[in-house]
Amino acid sequence: MNIEQARFNMIEQQIRPWDVLDTDVLELLTIVKREAFVPAAYRGLAFADSEIPLPGGENMLAPRVEARIMQELTVQKHETVLEIGAGSGYMAALLAHKARHVTTVEINPELKALAEKNLADYGVTNVEVVEGDAAQGYTGLVQPHSPYDVIVVSGSLPFVPEALLAQLKVGGRMFAVVGTAPAMTAQIITRISEVKFDTVGVFETLIKPLQNAPAPSQFKF
């Protein structure tokens, strides 16, 4: 396989047609090598338009979804990022290239170790990989970067918990896929003030639920 040709085809045939036209994002996809974060058994699928299996029954998101996340969030060099669900470390690497610092929280010890190794092997130095459950927000003992400019939730949520919204700075943005199968919407939530949030639906998708995501209320009138 010609890796650079496969990468070019991914960008031109999957990502551009999905309304990812930001040249900075397209360049980022050539700089941060996706194949370096794909498990060896699936490396041949690194540029395929599909999710890729990870240990613990989790998946890497499809490349077009990763690219849209980066385009919609417009991460800046001075900003701090919280990622919930480290996976293989690839999204953290993309975010780290744009941000000042990324804290990525992973509930699965095997995935935490995988992300940590992949990021270290790739030479990424501004990401901290933490083992923990951040479905209700990251409540680690040491949170020098909280509240955050950007929050990325890598699994779907039936709704966004208030505790997670509280960790977003005023002016900060959150990416979350909200809903339950078969209807989920990727949202950008911007904190306008201490009490006001603006939510914009950016595309429809279907991804695995975040582990330990809060359950929707079963009560009906």
N, C-alpha and C. Protein backbone atom coordinates (compact mmCIF):
# COMPACT_ATOMS: atom_id res chain seq x y z
N MET A 1 0.85 -1.21 0.00
CA MET A 1 0.00 0.00 0.00
C MET A 1 0.88 1.25 0.00
N ASN A 2 0.58 2.16 -0.89
CA ASN A 2 1.24 3.47 -0.89
C ASN A 2 0.56 4.33 0.17
N ILE A 3 1.22 4.50 1.32
CA ILE A 3 0.57 5.14 2.46
C ILE A 3 0.19 6.58 2.14
N GLU A 4 1.09 7.32 1.52
CA GLU A 4 0.78 8.73 1.25
C GLU A 4 -0.34 8.88 0.24
N GLN A 5 -0.42 7.97 -0.73
CA GLN A 5 -1.53 8.00 -1.68
C GLN A 5 -2.84 7.66 -0.97
N ALA A 6 -2.79 6.69 -0.04
CA ALA A 6 -3.99 6.32 0.72
C ALA A 6 -4.46 7.48 1.59
N ARG A 7 -3.49 8.19 2.18
CA ARG A 7 -3.84 9.35 3.01
C ARG A 7 -4.49 10.46 2.15
N PHE A 8 -3.89 10.69 0.98
CA PHE A 8 -4.43 11.68 0.05
C PHE A 8 -5.85 11.31 -0.36
N ASN A 9 -6.06 10.04 -0.69
CA ASN A 9 -7.39 9.59 -1.09
C ASN A 9 -8.40 9.75 0.04
N MET A 10 -7.98 9.45 1.28
CA MET A 10 -8.86 9.64 2.44
C MET A 10 -9.31 11.09 2.54
N ILE A 11 -8.37 12.00 2.40
CA ILE A 11 -8.69 13.43 2.52
C ILE A 11 -9.60 13.88 1.38
N GLU A 12 -9.27 13.48 0.16
CA GLU A 12 -10.01 13.98 -1.01
C GLU A 12 -11.36 13.29 -1.21
N GLN A 13 -11.46 12.01 -0.85
CA GLN A 13 -12.67 11.24 -1.15
C GLN A 13 -13.62 11.10 0.03
N GLN A 14 -13.10 11.21 1.27
CA GLN A 14 -13.95 11.06 2.45
C GLN A 14 -14.17 12.38 3.17
N ILE A 15 -13.08 13.12 3.34
CA ILE A 15 -13.11 14.23 4.29
C ILE A 15 -13.58 15.53 3.64
N ARG A 16 -13.02 15.90 2.50
CA ARG A 16 -13.51 17.10 1.80
C ARG A 16 -15.00 17.00 1.48
N PRO A 17 -15.49 15.86 0.96
CA PRO A 17 -16.92 15.77 0.65
C PRO A 17 -17.82 15.89 1.88
N TRP A 18 -17.23 15.75 3.07
CA TRP A 18 -18.02 15.86 4.30
C TRP A 18 -17.90 17.28 4.87
N ASP A 19 -17.68 18.24 3.98
CA ASP A 19 -17.64 19.67 4.32
C ASP A 19 -16.48 20.05 5.23
N VAL A 20 -15.40 19.29 5.17
CA VAL A 20 -14.19 19.70 5.88
C VAL A 20 -13.29 20.40 4.86
N LEU A 21 -13.32 21.74 4.89
CA LEU A 21 -12.61 22.54 3.88
C LEU A 21 -11.55 23.43 4.50
N ASP A 22 -11.45 23.42 5.83
CA ASP A 22 -10.46 24.23 6.53
C ASP A 22 -9.06 23.71 6.18
N THR A 23 -8.25 24.54 5.56
CA THR A 23 -6.93 24.08 5.10
C THR A 23 -6.03 23.68 6.27
N ASP A 24 -6.18 24.35 7.43
CA ASP A 24 -5.39 23.98 8.61
C ASP A 24 -5.70 22.55 9.05
N VAL A 25 -6.99 22.20 9.02
CA VAL A 25 -7.40 20.85 9.42
C VAL A 25 -6.90 19.82 8.41
N LEU A 26 -7.04 20.11 7.13
CA LEU A 26 -6.58 19.18 6.10
C LEU A 26 -5.07 18.98 6.19
N GLU A 27 -4.35 20.05 6.48
CA GLU A 27 -2.89 19.93 6.64
C GLU A 27 -2.56 19.10 7.88
N LEU A 28 -3.33 19.31 8.95
CA LEU A 28 -3.10 18.57 10.20
C LEU A 28 -3.19 17.06 9.97
N LEU A 29 -4.11 16.65 9.09
CA LEU A 29 -4.29 15.22 8.81
C LEU A 29 -3.11 14.62 8.06
N THR A 30 -2.32 15.46 7.43
CA THR A 30 -1.10 14.97 6.78
C THR A 30 0.09 15.00 7.74
N ILE A 31 0.01 15.86 8.76
CA ILE A 31 1.11 16.01 9.71
C ILE A 31 1.07 14.92 10.78
N VAL A 32 -0.10 14.71 11.39
CA VAL A 32 -0.26 13.69 12.44
C VAL A 32 -0.67 12.39 11.76
N LYS A 33 0.22 11.44 11.75
CA LYS A 33 0.05 10.22 10.96
C LYS A 33 -0.91 9.25 11.65
N ARG A 34 -2.07 9.10 11.08
CA ARG A 34 -3.12 8.28 11.69
C ARG A 34 -2.67 6.83 11.89
N GLU A 35 -1.92 6.31 10.93
CA GLU A 35 -1.53 4.89 11.00
C GLU A 35 -0.68 4.59 12.23
N ALA A 36 -0.02 5.60 12.80
CA ALA A 36 0.80 5.38 13.98
C ALA A 36 -0.04 5.10 15.22
N PHE A 37 -1.34 5.37 15.15
CA PHE A 37 -2.23 5.20 16.31
C PHE A 37 -3.24 4.07 16.11
N VAL A 38 -3.13 3.37 14.98
CA VAL A 38 -4.04 2.26 14.69
C VAL A 38 -3.40 0.95 15.15
N PRO A 39 -4.13 0.08 15.86
CA PRO A 39 -3.56 -1.21 16.26
C PRO A 39 -3.00 -1.95 15.06
N ALA A 40 -1.88 -2.65 15.26
CA ALA A 40 -1.15 -3.29 14.15
C ALA A 40 -2.05 -4.19 13.31
N ALA A 41 -2.97 -4.90 13.95
CA ALA A 41 -3.83 -5.84 13.22
C ALA A 41 -4.75 -5.14 12.22
N TYR A 42 -4.98 -3.85 12.43
CA TYR A 42 -5.92 -3.11 11.57
C TYR A 42 -5.24 -2.00 10.78
N ARG A 43 -3.91 -2.01 10.72
CA ARG A 43 -3.20 -0.90 10.09
C ARG A 43 -3.58 -0.73 8.62
N GLY A 44 -3.95 -1.81 7.98
CA GLY A 44 -4.38 -1.73 6.58
C GLY A 44 -5.67 -0.96 6.41
N LEU A 45 -6.39 -0.75 7.50
CA LEU A 45 -7.66 0.00 7.45
C LEU A 45 -7.51 1.42 7.97
N ALA A 46 -6.27 1.87 8.16
CA ALA A 46 -6.04 3.17 8.80
C ALA A 46 -6.73 4.32 8.09
N PHE A 47 -6.92 4.21 6.76
CA PHE A 47 -7.50 5.31 6.00
C PHE A 47 -8.89 4.98 5.46
N ALA A 48 -9.47 3.88 5.94
CA ALA A 48 -10.80 3.47 5.49
C ALA A 48 -11.88 4.35 6.12
N ASP A 49 -12.99 4.47 5.44
CA ASP A 49 -14.12 5.27 5.92
C ASP A 49 -14.95 4.44 6.90
N SER A 50 -14.34 4.10 8.03
CA SER A 50 -15.02 3.25 9.01
C SER A 50 -14.35 3.41 10.36
N GLU A 51 -15.06 2.97 11.40
CA GLU A 51 -14.45 2.92 12.73
C GLU A 51 -13.51 1.72 12.77
N ILE A 52 -12.51 1.80 13.66
CA ILE A 52 -11.50 0.74 13.77
C ILE A 52 -11.55 0.17 15.18
N PRO A 53 -11.64 -1.16 15.32
CA PRO A 53 -11.74 -1.76 16.66
C PRO A 53 -10.51 -1.49 17.52
N LEU A 54 -10.78 -1.27 18.80
CA LEU A 54 -9.75 -1.08 19.81
C LEU A 54 -9.98 -2.08 20.94
N PRO A 55 -9.00 -2.31 21.79
CA PRO A 55 -9.21 -3.20 22.95
C PRO A 55 -10.39 -2.73 23.80
N GLY A 56 -11.01 -3.70 24.47
CA GLY A 56 -12.12 -3.38 25.38
C GLY A 56 -13.43 -3.10 24.67
N GLY A 57 -13.51 -3.46 23.38
CA GLY A 57 -14.75 -3.25 22.64
C GLY A 57 -14.99 -1.83 22.19
N GLU A 58 -13.98 -0.98 22.29
CA GLU A 58 -14.12 0.41 21.84
C GLU A 58 -13.67 0.55 20.38
N ASN A 59 -13.86 1.75 19.82
CA ASN A 59 -13.50 2.00 18.43
C ASN A 59 -12.81 3.34 18.28
N MET A 60 -11.92 3.43 17.29
CA MET A 60 -11.50 4.74 16.78
C MET A 60 -12.64 5.27 15.92
N LEU A 61 -12.91 6.55 16.02
CA LEU A 61 -13.94 7.17 15.18
C LEU A 61 -13.50 7.14 13.71
N ALA A 62 -14.46 7.24 12.81
CA ALA A 62 -14.14 7.32 11.39
C ALA A 62 -13.36 8.61 11.12
N PRO A 63 -12.44 8.59 10.15
CA PRO A 63 -11.62 9.77 9.88
C PRO A 63 -12.42 11.04 9.61
N ARG A 64 -13.53 10.93 8.90
CA ARG A 64 -14.30 12.14 8.57
C ARG A 64 -14.91 12.77 9.82
N VAL A 65 -15.25 11.93 10.80
CA VAL A 65 -15.81 12.46 12.05
C VAL A 65 -14.71 13.17 12.84
N GLU A 66 -13.53 12.57 12.90
CA GLU A 66 -12.40 13.20 13.59
C GLU A 66 -12.08 14.56 12.96
N ALA A 67 -12.10 14.60 11.63
CA ALA A 67 -11.79 15.85 10.93
C ALA A 67 -12.84 16.92 11.20
N ARG A 68 -14.12 16.53 11.20
CA ARG A 68 -15.18 17.51 11.48
C ARG A 68 -15.08 18.05 12.91
N ILE A 69 -14.72 17.18 13.84
CA ILE A 69 -14.54 17.63 15.23
C ILE A 69 -13.49 18.74 15.27
N MET A 70 -12.36 18.51 14.63
CA MET A 70 -11.29 19.50 14.64
C MET A 70 -11.72 20.79 13.95
N GLN A 71 -12.45 20.67 12.86
CA GLN A 71 -12.89 21.88 12.15
C GLN A 71 -13.88 22.68 12.98
N GLU A 72 -14.81 22.01 13.61
CA GLU A 72 -15.87 22.71 14.35
C GLU A 72 -15.33 23.37 15.62
N LEU A 73 -14.30 22.79 16.24
CA LEU A 73 -13.82 23.30 17.53
C LEU A 73 -12.82 24.46 17.40
N THR A 74 -12.14 24.56 16.25
CA THR A 74 -11.15 25.63 16.02
C THR A 74 -10.26 25.86 17.25
N VAL A 75 -9.57 24.81 17.67
CA VAL A 75 -8.70 24.88 18.85
C VAL A 75 -7.54 25.84 18.59
N GLN A 76 -7.21 26.65 19.61
CA GLN A 76 -6.16 27.66 19.50
C GLN A 76 -4.97 27.29 20.39
N LYS A 77 -3.81 27.86 20.04
CA LYS A 77 -2.55 27.49 20.70
C LYS A 77 -2.50 27.77 22.20
N HIS A 78 -3.30 28.72 22.68
CA HIS A 78 -3.26 29.07 24.10
C HIS A 78 -4.25 28.24 24.92
N GLU A 79 -5.01 27.35 24.28
CA GLU A 79 -6.14 26.72 24.95
C GLU A 79 -5.79 25.38 25.59
N THR A 80 -6.55 25.05 26.63
CA THR A 80 -6.43 23.76 27.30
C THR A 80 -7.65 22.92 26.95
N VAL A 81 -7.41 21.61 26.81
CA VAL A 81 -8.45 20.70 26.32
C VAL A 81 -8.62 19.53 27.28
N LEU A 82 -9.88 19.13 27.49
CA LEU A 82 -10.21 17.90 28.19
C LEU A 82 -10.84 16.96 27.18
N GLU A 83 -10.26 15.77 27.04
CA GLU A 83 -10.86 14.74 26.19
C GLU A 83 -11.34 13.62 27.09
N ILE A 84 -12.56 13.17 26.86
CA ILE A 84 -13.13 12.07 27.65
C ILE A 84 -13.18 10.85 26.75
N GLY A 85 -12.30 9.90 27.04
CA GLY A 85 -12.15 8.72 26.21
C GLY A 85 -10.93 8.85 25.31
N ALA A 86 -9.79 8.30 25.77
CA ALA A 86 -8.54 8.48 25.03
C ALA A 86 -8.43 7.59 23.81
N GLY A 87 -9.06 6.41 23.87
CA GLY A 87 -8.95 5.48 22.76
C GLY A 87 -7.49 5.15 22.48
N SER A 88 -7.09 5.28 21.22
CA SER A 88 -5.71 4.97 20.84
C SER A 88 -4.77 6.16 21.02
N GLY A 89 -5.32 7.32 21.36
CA GLY A 89 -4.52 8.52 21.52
C GLY A 89 -4.49 9.42 20.30
N TYR A 90 -5.13 9.01 19.20
CA TYR A 90 -5.04 9.78 17.96
C TYR A 90 -5.72 11.14 18.06
N MET A 91 -6.94 11.16 18.59
CA MET A 91 -7.63 12.45 18.72
C MET A 91 -6.87 13.38 19.65
N ALA A 92 -6.30 12.83 20.71
CA ALA A 92 -5.49 13.64 21.62
C ALA A 92 -4.29 14.23 20.89
N ALA A 93 -3.69 13.44 19.98
CA ALA A 93 -2.54 13.93 19.21
C ALA A 93 -2.95 15.07 18.29
N LEU A 94 -4.11 14.94 17.64
CA LEU A 94 -4.62 16.03 16.78
C LEU A 94 -4.86 17.28 17.61
N LEU A 95 -5.53 17.12 18.74
CA LEU A 95 -5.83 18.26 19.62
C LEU A 95 -4.54 18.90 20.14
N ALA A 96 -3.57 18.05 20.51
CA ALA A 96 -2.32 18.55 21.09
C ALA A 96 -1.54 19.40 20.10
N HIS A 97 -1.68 19.07 18.82
CA HIS A 97 -0.95 19.83 17.80
C HIS A 97 -1.47 21.26 17.72
N LYS A 98 -2.72 21.46 18.12
CA LYS A 98 -3.34 22.80 18.04
C LYS A 98 -3.39 23.52 19.38
N ALA A 99 -3.40 22.76 20.49
CA ALA A 99 -3.65 23.33 21.82
C ALA A 99 -2.36 23.50 22.62
N ARG A 100 -2.50 24.16 23.76
CA ARG A 100 -1.36 24.27 24.70
C ARG A 100 -1.19 22.98 25.48
N HIS A 101 -2.30 22.42 25.96
CA HIS A 101 -2.23 21.20 26.77
C HIS A 101 -3.53 20.42 26.64
N VAL A 102 -3.41 19.10 26.61
CA VAL A 102 -4.57 18.21 26.55
C VAL A 102 -4.51 17.25 27.73
N THR A 103 -5.62 17.15 28.46
CA THR A 103 -5.80 16.09 29.46
C THR A 103 -6.80 15.11 28.88
N THR A 104 -6.40 13.86 28.70
CA THR A 104 -7.33 12.86 28.17
C THR A 104 -7.55 11.79 29.23
N VAL A 105 -8.81 11.51 29.52
CA VAL A 105 -9.18 10.61 30.61
C VAL A 105 -9.76 9.33 30.01
N GLU A 106 -9.21 8.19 30.40
CA GLU A 106 -9.61 6.90 29.84
C GLU A 106 -9.96 5.94 30.98
N ILE A 107 -11.14 5.33 30.90
CA ILE A 107 -11.62 4.46 31.96
C ILE A 107 -11.00 3.05 31.88
N ASN A 108 -10.58 2.64 30.68
CA ASN A 108 -10.06 1.29 30.46
C ASN A 108 -8.54 1.30 30.62
N PRO A 109 -7.99 0.56 31.59
CA PRO A 109 -6.54 0.60 31.82
C PRO A 109 -5.72 0.18 30.60
N GLU A 110 -6.23 -0.80 29.83
CA GLU A 110 -5.50 -1.25 28.64
C GLU A 110 -5.43 -0.15 27.59
N LEU A 111 -6.54 0.56 27.40
CA LEU A 111 -6.55 1.66 26.44
C LEU A 111 -5.71 2.84 26.94
N LYS A 112 -5.75 3.08 28.25
CA LYS A 112 -4.92 4.15 28.81
C LYS A 112 -3.46 3.89 28.49
N ALA A 113 -3.02 2.63 28.69
CA ALA A 113 -1.63 2.27 28.42
C ALA A 113 -1.32 2.39 26.93
N LEU A 114 -2.28 1.98 26.08
CA LEU A 114 -2.08 2.06 24.63
C LEU A 114 -1.94 3.52 24.18
N ALA A 115 -2.84 4.37 24.64
CA ALA A 115 -2.78 5.79 24.26
C ALA A 115 -1.48 6.42 24.74
N GLU A 116 -1.10 6.11 25.97
CA GLU A 116 0.12 6.67 26.54
C GLU A 116 1.34 6.26 25.71
N LYS A 117 1.40 4.97 25.33
CA LYS A 117 2.53 4.47 24.54
C LYS A 117 2.55 5.12 23.15
N ASN A 118 1.38 5.16 22.50
CA ASN A 118 1.31 5.73 21.15
C ASN A 118 1.75 7.20 21.15
N LEU A 119 1.28 7.96 22.12
CA LEU A 119 1.63 9.38 22.20
C LEU A 119 3.11 9.57 22.49
N ALA A 120 3.65 8.74 23.39
CA ALA A 120 5.07 8.83 23.72
C ALA A 120 5.93 8.45 22.52
N ASP A 121 5.55 7.35 21.85
CA ASP A 121 6.30 6.90 20.67
C ASP A 121 6.29 7.96 19.57
N TYR A 122 5.19 8.71 19.50
CA TYR A 122 5.04 9.73 18.46
C TYR A 122 5.70 11.05 18.85
N GLY A 123 6.14 11.13 20.11
CA GLY A 123 6.84 12.34 20.55
C GLY A 123 5.94 13.47 20.99
N VAL A 124 4.69 13.15 21.35
CA VAL A 124 3.75 14.18 21.82
C VAL A 124 4.01 14.42 23.31
N THR A 125 4.32 15.65 23.67
CA THR A 125 4.73 15.94 25.05
C THR A 125 3.72 16.78 25.83
N ASN A 126 2.68 17.31 25.18
CA ASN A 126 1.74 18.18 25.87
C ASN A 126 0.38 17.51 26.10
N VAL A 127 0.40 16.19 26.27
CA VAL A 127 -0.81 15.43 26.60
C VAL A 127 -0.56 14.65 27.89
N GLU A 128 -1.49 14.74 28.81
CA GLU A 128 -1.48 13.92 30.02
C GLU A 128 -2.60 12.89 29.89
N VAL A 129 -2.25 11.61 29.98
CA VAL A 129 -3.24 10.54 29.92
C VAL A 129 -3.55 10.09 31.34
N VAL A 130 -4.80 10.16 31.73
CA VAL A 130 -5.22 9.87 33.10
C VAL A 130 -6.21 8.71 33.07
N GLU A 131 -6.04 7.76 33.99
CA GLU A 131 -7.03 6.69 34.12
C GLU A 131 -8.15 7.16 35.03
N GLY A 132 -9.39 7.04 34.57
CA GLY A 132 -10.50 7.46 35.40
C GLY A 132 -11.80 7.46 34.62
N ASP A 133 -12.87 7.74 35.34
CA ASP A 133 -14.22 7.81 34.77
C ASP A 133 -14.64 9.27 34.73
N ALA A 134 -14.72 9.83 33.53
CA ALA A 134 -15.05 11.26 33.40
C ALA A 134 -16.41 11.47 32.75
N ALA A 135 -17.27 10.46 32.82
CA ALA A 135 -18.59 10.59 32.20
C ALA A 135 -19.41 11.73 32.82
N GLN A 136 -19.10 12.06 34.07
CA GLN A 136 -19.79 13.18 34.73
C GLN A 136 -18.82 14.36 34.91
N GLY A 137 -17.79 14.41 34.06
CA GLY A 137 -16.76 15.43 34.22
C GLY A 137 -15.53 14.82 34.88
N TYR A 138 -14.40 15.48 34.72
CA TYR A 138 -13.15 14.98 35.29
C TYR A 138 -12.97 15.57 36.68
N THR A 139 -12.93 14.68 37.67
CA THR A 139 -12.83 15.13 39.06
C THR A 139 -11.57 14.57 39.72
N GLY A 140 -10.48 14.52 38.96
CA GLY A 140 -9.22 14.07 39.52
C GLY A 140 -8.73 15.01 40.61
N LEU A 141 -7.83 14.52 41.42
CA LEU A 141 -7.35 15.31 42.56
C LEU A 141 -6.60 16.56 42.10
N VAL A 142 -5.86 16.42 40.99
CA VAL A 142 -5.08 17.55 40.48
C VAL A 142 -5.67 17.97 39.14
N GLN A 143 -6.22 19.16 39.08
CA GLN A 143 -6.81 19.66 37.85
C GLN A 143 -6.28 21.07 37.55
N PRO A 144 -4.99 21.18 37.25
CA PRO A 144 -4.43 22.52 37.06
C PRO A 144 -4.99 23.25 35.85
N HIS A 145 -5.63 22.52 34.93
CA HIS A 145 -6.11 23.14 33.70
C HIS A 145 -7.61 23.36 33.70
N SER A 146 -8.29 23.03 34.77
CA SER A 146 -9.75 23.19 34.84
C SER A 146 -10.12 24.58 35.36
N PRO A 147 -11.19 25.20 34.82
CA PRO A 147 -12.03 24.74 33.71
C PRO A 147 -11.30 24.81 32.38
N TYR A 148 -11.89 24.17 31.37
CA TYR A 148 -11.21 23.97 30.10
C TYR A 148 -11.78 24.88 29.01
N ASP A 149 -10.91 25.20 28.05
CA ASP A 149 -11.36 25.96 26.87
C ASP A 149 -12.15 25.08 25.92
N VAL A 150 -11.76 23.80 25.85
CA VAL A 150 -12.37 22.86 24.91
C VAL A 150 -12.55 21.52 25.62
N ILE A 151 -13.72 20.91 25.40
CA ILE A 151 -13.98 19.55 25.90
C ILE A 151 -14.46 18.71 24.72
N VAL A 152 -13.87 17.52 24.58
CA VAL A 152 -14.26 16.58 23.53
C VAL A 152 -14.72 15.29 24.20
N VAL A 153 -15.95 14.87 23.92
CA VAL A 153 -16.48 13.62 24.46
C VAL A 153 -16.47 12.59 23.34
N SER A 154 -15.69 11.53 23.51
CA SER A 154 -15.46 10.59 22.41
C SER A 154 -16.51 9.50 22.28
N GLY A 155 -17.44 9.43 23.23
CA GLY A 155 -18.56 8.49 23.13
C GLY A 155 -19.86 9.27 23.23
N SER A 156 -20.95 8.65 22.82
CA SER A 156 -22.23 9.37 22.84
C SER A 156 -22.82 9.44 24.25
N LEU A 157 -23.65 10.45 24.45
CA LEU A 157 -24.35 10.69 25.72
C LEU A 157 -25.84 10.85 25.45
N PRO A 158 -26.72 10.33 26.30
CA PRO A 158 -28.14 10.59 26.11
C PRO A 158 -28.47 12.06 26.35
N PHE A 159 -27.70 12.70 27.23
CA PHE A 159 -27.78 14.14 27.48
C PHE A 159 -26.45 14.56 28.07
N VAL A 160 -26.17 15.86 28.06
CA VAL A 160 -24.89 16.34 28.60
C VAL A 160 -25.08 16.68 30.07
N PRO A 161 -24.36 16.03 30.97
CA PRO A 161 -24.53 16.29 32.40
C PRO A 161 -24.10 17.71 32.78
N GLU A 162 -24.79 18.29 33.74
CA GLU A 162 -24.47 19.65 34.19
C GLU A 162 -23.04 19.71 34.75
N ALA A 163 -22.60 18.63 35.39
CA ALA A 163 -21.25 18.62 35.97
C ALA A 163 -20.19 18.77 34.88
N LEU A 164 -20.48 18.26 33.70
CA LEU A 164 -19.55 18.38 32.58
C LEU A 164 -19.59 19.79 31.99
N LEU A 165 -20.78 20.33 31.85
CA LEU A 165 -20.92 21.71 31.37
C LEU A 165 -20.20 22.68 32.30
N ALA A 166 -20.21 22.39 33.59
CA ALA A 166 -19.58 23.28 34.57
C ALA A 166 -18.07 23.36 34.40
N GLN A 167 -17.47 22.37 33.72
CA GLN A 167 -16.02 22.38 33.54
C GLN A 167 -15.57 23.13 32.29
N LEU A 168 -16.53 23.77 31.63
CA LEU A 168 -16.23 24.55 30.43
C LEU A 168 -16.09 26.02 30.80
N LYS A 169 -15.01 26.65 30.33
CA LYS A 169 -14.83 28.08 30.57
C LYS A 169 -15.88 28.88 29.81
N VAL A 170 -16.17 30.08 30.28
CA VAL A 170 -16.98 31.01 29.49
C VAL A 170 -16.21 31.28 28.19
N GLY A 171 -16.88 31.11 27.08
CA GLY A 171 -16.23 31.22 25.77
C GLY A 171 -15.71 29.89 25.26
N GLY A 172 -15.75 28.86 26.11
CA GLY A 172 -15.26 27.54 25.72
C GLY A 172 -16.27 26.78 24.90
N ARG A 173 -15.78 25.72 24.20
CA ARG A 173 -16.62 24.91 23.33
C ARG A 173 -16.50 23.44 23.70
N MET A 174 -17.61 22.74 23.59
CA MET A 174 -17.63 21.31 23.83
C MET A 174 -18.18 20.59 22.60
N PHE A 175 -17.53 19.48 22.23
CA PHE A 175 -18.08 18.59 21.21
C PHE A 175 -18.66 17.38 21.92
N ALA A 176 -19.92 17.07 21.62
CA ALA A 176 -20.56 15.88 22.19
C ALA A 176 -21.58 15.34 21.20
N VAL A 177 -21.66 14.03 21.12
CA VAL A 177 -22.70 13.37 20.33
C VAL A 177 -23.82 13.01 21.30
N VAL A 178 -24.99 13.60 21.08
CA VAL A 178 -26.08 13.51 22.06
C VAL A 178 -27.28 12.79 21.46
N GLY A 179 -27.83 11.87 22.26
CA GLY A 179 -29.00 11.12 21.82
C GLY A 179 -28.79 9.64 22.07
N THR A 180 -29.76 8.85 21.64
CA THR A 180 -29.66 7.40 21.73
C THR A 180 -29.96 6.81 20.35
N ALA A 181 -29.40 5.64 20.09
CA ALA A 181 -29.60 5.00 18.78
C ALA A 181 -31.10 4.80 18.52
N PRO A 182 -31.55 5.06 17.30
CA PRO A 182 -30.77 5.36 16.10
C PRO A 182 -30.64 6.86 15.79
N ALA A 183 -30.98 7.72 16.73
CA ALA A 183 -30.97 9.16 16.43
C ALA A 183 -29.99 9.88 17.35
N MET A 184 -28.84 10.26 16.81
CA MET A 184 -27.83 11.01 17.57
C MET A 184 -27.39 12.22 16.75
N THR A 185 -27.12 13.31 17.46
CA THR A 185 -26.67 14.54 16.80
C THR A 185 -25.36 14.99 17.42
N ALA A 186 -24.38 15.26 16.57
CA ALA A 186 -23.13 15.85 17.03
C ALA A 186 -23.39 17.33 17.29
N GLN A 187 -23.03 17.79 18.48
CA GLN A 187 -23.31 19.16 18.89
C GLN A 187 -22.04 19.90 19.27
N ILE A 188 -22.03 21.20 18.98
CA ILE A 188 -21.03 22.10 19.55
C ILE A 188 -21.77 22.97 20.56
N ILE A 189 -21.35 22.87 21.81
CA ILE A 189 -21.97 23.61 22.91
C ILE A 189 -20.98 24.69 23.35
N THR A 190 -21.38 25.94 23.24
CA THR A 190 -20.52 27.07 23.61
C THR A 190 -21.05 27.71 24.87
N ARG A 191 -20.17 27.93 25.84
CA ARG A 191 -20.60 28.58 27.07
C ARG A 191 -20.56 30.09 26.87
N ILE A 192 -21.71 30.70 26.87
CA ILE A 192 -21.85 32.13 26.60
C ILE A 192 -21.61 32.96 27.86
N SER A 193 -22.07 32.45 28.99
CA SER A 193 -21.90 33.14 30.28
C SER A 193 -21.92 32.08 31.36
N GLU A 194 -21.91 32.51 32.62
CA GLU A 194 -21.94 31.55 33.72
C GLU A 194 -23.17 30.65 33.65
N VAL A 195 -24.26 31.17 33.12
CA VAL A 195 -25.52 30.41 33.16
C VAL A 195 -26.09 30.08 31.78
N LYS A 196 -25.48 30.60 30.71
CA LYS A 196 -26.07 30.44 29.38
C LYS A 196 -25.14 29.65 28.46
N PHE A 197 -25.74 28.70 27.74
CA PHE A 197 -25.01 27.87 26.77
C PHE A 197 -25.73 27.94 25.43
N ASP A 198 -24.96 27.95 24.37
CA ASP A 198 -25.52 27.93 23.02
C ASP A 198 -25.18 26.60 22.38
N THR A 199 -26.19 25.90 21.88
CA THR A 199 -26.00 24.57 21.31
C THR A 199 -26.35 24.57 19.83
N VAL A 200 -25.43 24.06 19.02
CA VAL A 200 -25.65 23.98 17.57
C VAL A 200 -25.44 22.53 17.14
N GLY A 201 -26.43 21.95 16.47
CA GLY A 201 -26.27 20.62 15.89
C GLY A 201 -25.50 20.73 14.59
N VAL A 202 -24.42 19.95 14.43
CA VAL A 202 -23.57 20.11 13.25
C VAL A 202 -23.68 18.95 12.26
N PHE A 203 -23.97 17.75 12.74
CA PHE A 203 -24.22 16.64 11.82
C PHE A 203 -24.86 15.48 12.59
N GLU A 204 -25.48 14.58 11.83
CA GLU A 204 -26.06 13.37 12.42
C GLU A 204 -25.02 12.25 12.33
N THR A 205 -24.96 11.43 13.36
CA THR A 205 -24.02 10.31 13.34
C THR A 205 -24.51 9.25 14.31
N LEU A 206 -23.76 8.18 14.43
CA LEU A 206 -24.10 7.10 15.36
C LEU A 206 -22.79 6.53 15.87
N ILE A 207 -22.50 6.72 17.16
CA ILE A 207 -21.27 6.18 17.75
C ILE A 207 -21.60 5.47 19.06
N LYS A 208 -20.65 4.66 19.52
CA LYS A 208 -20.87 3.89 20.75
C LYS A 208 -21.10 4.82 21.94
N PRO A 209 -21.98 4.43 22.87
CA PRO A 209 -22.18 5.24 24.08
C PRO A 209 -20.90 5.31 24.91
N LEU A 210 -20.72 6.44 25.57
CA LEU A 210 -19.63 6.58 26.52
C LEU A 210 -19.88 5.63 27.69
N GLN A 211 -18.83 4.93 28.11
CA GLN A 211 -18.99 4.01 29.24
C GLN A 211 -19.39 4.80 30.49
N ASN A 212 -20.40 4.28 31.20
CA ASN A 212 -20.94 4.91 32.41
C ASN A 212 -21.62 6.25 32.14
N ALA A 213 -22.03 6.46 30.89
CA ALA A 213 -22.78 7.69 30.58
C ALA A 213 -24.04 7.72 31.44
N PRO A 214 -24.47 8.92 31.88
CA PRO A 214 -25.68 9.01 32.70
C PRO A 214 -26.88 8.48 31.93
N ALA A 215 -27.73 7.73 32.64
CA ALA A 215 -28.90 7.14 31.98
C ALA A 215 -29.99 8.18 31.82
N PRO A 216 -30.69 8.16 30.68
CA PRO A 216 -31.81 9.09 30.51
C PRO A 216 -32.94 8.71 31.46
N SER A 217 -33.72 9.68 31.84
CA SER A 217 -34.85 9.41 32.72
C SER A 217 -35.86 8.53 32.01
N GLN A 218 -36.36 7.53 32.72
CA GLN A 218 -37.38 6.63 32.13
C GLN A 218 -38.79 7.12 32.42
N PHE A 219 -38.89 8.20 33.16
CA PHE A 219 -40.22 8.69 33.55
C PHE A 219 -40.92 9.33 32.35
N LYS A 220 -42.16 8.99 32.13
CA LYS A 220 -42.93 9.60 31.03
C LYS A 220 -44.28 10.06 31.57
N PHE A 221 -44.75 11.19 31.05
CA PHE A 221 -46.08 11.67 31.45
C PHE A 221 -47.16 10.78 30.82
